[in-house]
């Protein structure tokens, strides 16, 4: 194989590999749960942060998206460890579109705004951070304070 053919073959292989990797990472789903509202507080099971495999092995989730019938947008709740949680409303601060969760980052597909897991703007056009909520928990339940 000559040099030109080698470079062409390697280039095509690298492009294919990077496309496959990007496609697979886009397939990862975010776990969501239906929350209940009582007295301006959303609650959902703490166990939502664990997936139990068929083998019985428990795998921790880093984020759970909580949907509530009364809210137009869901809330992303991140497990920060040591019974600490971060909750952000998934409403873009730029023009009010729904923000998507991608692991530790959040993005708005409407105009490209991006946020970190704490809701801080990392890329505009949004200028304001996402709304955050106070979170507390007991042995079995996580509570998100709306007011």
Protein backbone atom coordinates (compact mmCIF):
# COMPACT_ATOMS: atom_id res chain seq x y z
CA UNK A 1 0.00 0.00 0.00
CA UNK A 2 1.40 3.40 -0.90
CA UNK A 3 1.48 6.40 1.44
CA UNK A 4 -1.51 8.18 -0.14
CA UNK A 5 -3.71 5.06 0.12
CA UNK A 6 -2.58 4.47 3.74
CA UNK A 7 -3.50 8.02 4.81
CA UNK A 8 -6.87 7.77 3.04
CA UNK A 9 -7.66 4.42 4.71
CA UNK A 10 -6.64 5.65 8.17
CA UNK A 11 -8.65 8.86 7.75
CA UNK A 12 -11.81 6.98 6.78
CA UNK A 13 -11.35 4.55 9.69
CA UNK A 14 -10.90 7.38 12.20
CA UNK A 15 -13.94 9.21 10.86
CA UNK A 16 -16.06 6.05 11.10
CA UNK A 17 -14.91 5.32 14.63
CA UNK A 18 -15.60 8.85 15.88
CA UNK A 19 -19.05 8.86 14.24
CA UNK A 20 -19.92 5.51 15.87
CA UNK A 21 -18.76 6.75 19.27
CA UNK A 22 -20.80 9.96 18.95
CA UNK A 23 -23.88 8.03 17.83
CA UNK A 24 -23.68 5.60 20.75
CA UNK A 25 -23.27 8.37 23.32
CA UNK A 26 -26.39 10.03 21.90
CA UNK A 27 -28.37 6.84 22.60
CA UNK A 28 -27.80 6.97 26.35
CA UNK A 29 -31.12 7.68 28.00
CA UNK A 30 -31.81 9.72 31.08
CA UNK A 31 -33.99 8.10 33.72
CA UNK A 32 -37.18 9.99 34.52
CA UNK A 33 -39.71 9.57 37.28
CA UNK A 34 -43.13 11.03 38.03
CA UNK A 35 -43.03 13.25 41.12
CA UNK A 36 -45.93 14.22 43.33
CA UNK A 37 -46.64 17.72 44.63
CA UNK A 38 -47.90 18.55 48.09
CA UNK A 39 -47.67 21.90 49.85
CA UNK A 40 -45.25 23.43 47.27
CA UNK A 41 -42.92 20.43 47.54
CA UNK A 42 -42.17 17.81 44.89
CA UNK A 43 -41.34 14.36 46.24
CA UNK A 44 -40.05 11.20 44.59
CA UNK A 45 -38.42 7.96 45.77
CA UNK A 46 -34.73 8.11 46.68
CA UNK A 47 -34.41 4.67 45.11
CA UNK A 48 -34.83 6.33 41.69
CA UNK A 49 -31.07 6.98 41.79
CA UNK A 50 -30.37 3.24 41.52
CA UNK A 51 -30.92 0.78 38.72
CA UNK A 52 -31.12 -2.88 39.68
CA UNK A 53 -29.78 -5.23 37.00
CA UNK A 54 -31.23 -8.71 36.44
CA UNK A 55 -28.22 -10.07 38.32
CA UNK A 56 -29.26 -8.05 41.39
CA UNK A 57 -26.34 -5.63 41.00
CA UNK A 58 -27.25 -2.01 41.82
CA UNK A 59 -25.85 0.74 39.61
CA UNK A 60 -25.99 4.38 40.75
CA UNK A 61 -27.49 7.04 38.49
CA UNK A 62 -25.99 10.52 38.60
CA UNK A 63 -29.16 12.32 37.51
CA UNK A 64 -32.92 11.77 37.57
CA UNK A 65 -35.40 13.90 35.65
CA UNK A 66 -38.57 14.51 37.66
CA UNK A 67 -41.81 15.21 35.78
CA UNK A 68 -44.76 16.79 37.56
CA UNK A 69 -48.23 17.25 36.07
CA UNK A 70 -48.57 20.84 37.36
CA UNK A 71 -45.21 22.05 35.99
CA UNK A 72 -44.68 22.83 32.32
CA UNK A 73 -41.01 21.80 32.55
CA UNK A 74 -39.33 18.93 34.41
CA UNK A 75 -36.66 19.26 37.11
CA UNK A 76 -33.23 17.58 36.84
CA UNK A 77 -31.94 16.31 40.19
CA UNK A 78 -28.24 15.42 40.46
CA UNK A 79 -26.82 13.21 43.19
CA UNK A 80 -23.82 15.11 44.58
CA UNK A 81 -22.95 12.34 47.07
CA UNK A 82 -23.22 12.24 50.85
CA UNK A 83 -27.01 12.73 50.72
CA UNK A 84 -26.64 16.10 48.91
CA UNK A 85 -28.58 16.91 45.75
CA UNK A 86 -28.78 19.70 43.17
CA UNK A 87 -32.13 20.44 41.47
CA UNK A 88 -32.50 22.68 38.42
CA UNK A 89 -35.61 23.59 36.45
CA UNK A 90 -35.21 22.56 32.82
CA UNK A 91 -36.57 25.82 31.38
CA UNK A 92 -34.02 27.74 29.31
CA UNK A 93 -33.39 31.22 30.66
CA UNK A 94 -32.96 32.58 27.13
CA UNK A 95 -36.40 32.08 25.56
CA UNK A 96 -38.14 29.53 27.76
CA UNK A 97 -37.64 26.31 25.78
CA UNK A 98 -37.09 22.95 27.46
CA UNK A 99 -33.48 22.09 28.27
CA UNK A 100 -32.15 18.55 27.68
CA UNK A 101 -29.95 16.55 30.05
CA UNK A 102 -26.68 15.06 28.74
CA UNK A 103 -24.95 13.63 31.80
CA UNK A 104 -23.17 16.52 33.55
CA UNK A 105 -24.26 19.08 30.97
CA UNK A 106 -27.56 20.60 29.95
CA UNK A 107 -28.41 22.14 26.58
CA UNK A 108 -31.19 23.96 24.79
CA UNK A 109 -31.64 22.80 21.22
CA UNK A 110 -33.56 25.94 20.22
CA UNK A 111 -30.62 28.37 20.22
CA UNK A 112 -27.66 26.39 21.57
CA UNK A 113 -27.42 27.62 25.15
CA UNK A 114 -25.49 25.26 27.43
CA UNK A 115 -25.34 24.88 31.21
CA UNK A 116 -23.37 22.80 33.69
CA UNK A 117 -25.06 20.40 36.12
CA UNK A 118 -25.62 23.20 38.65
CA UNK A 119 -27.48 25.29 36.05
CA UNK A 120 -24.69 27.82 35.42
CA UNK A 121 -24.46 29.15 31.84
CA UNK A 122 -21.40 27.78 30.03
CA UNK A 123 -22.37 28.94 26.52
CA UNK A 124 -24.83 31.60 25.36
CA UNK A 125 -26.98 33.12 24.08
CA UNK A 126 -28.50 32.61 27.56
CA UNK A 127 -27.12 35.10 30.06
CA UNK A 128 -28.87 33.91 33.24
CA UNK A 129 -28.39 30.61 35.06
CA UNK A 130 -31.20 28.08 35.33
CA UNK A 131 -33.51 28.29 38.34
CA UNK A 132 -32.37 26.09 41.23
CA UNK A 133 -34.41 24.60 44.04
CA UNK A 134 -33.53 23.62 47.59
CA UNK A 135 -33.49 19.87 48.13
CA UNK A 136 -33.76 17.78 51.29
CA UNK A 137 -34.22 14.07 51.86
CA UNK A 138 -35.06 11.48 54.44
CA UNK A 139 -34.36 7.72 54.39
CA UNK A 140 -36.65 6.95 51.44
CA UNK A 141 -37.72 10.19 49.76
CA UNK A 142 -36.23 13.26 48.09
CA UNK A 143 -38.07 16.57 48.49
CA UNK A 144 -37.70 19.55 46.13
CA UNK A 145 -38.88 22.85 47.66
CA UNK A 146 -40.65 24.91 44.97
CA UNK A 147 -41.01 28.05 47.07
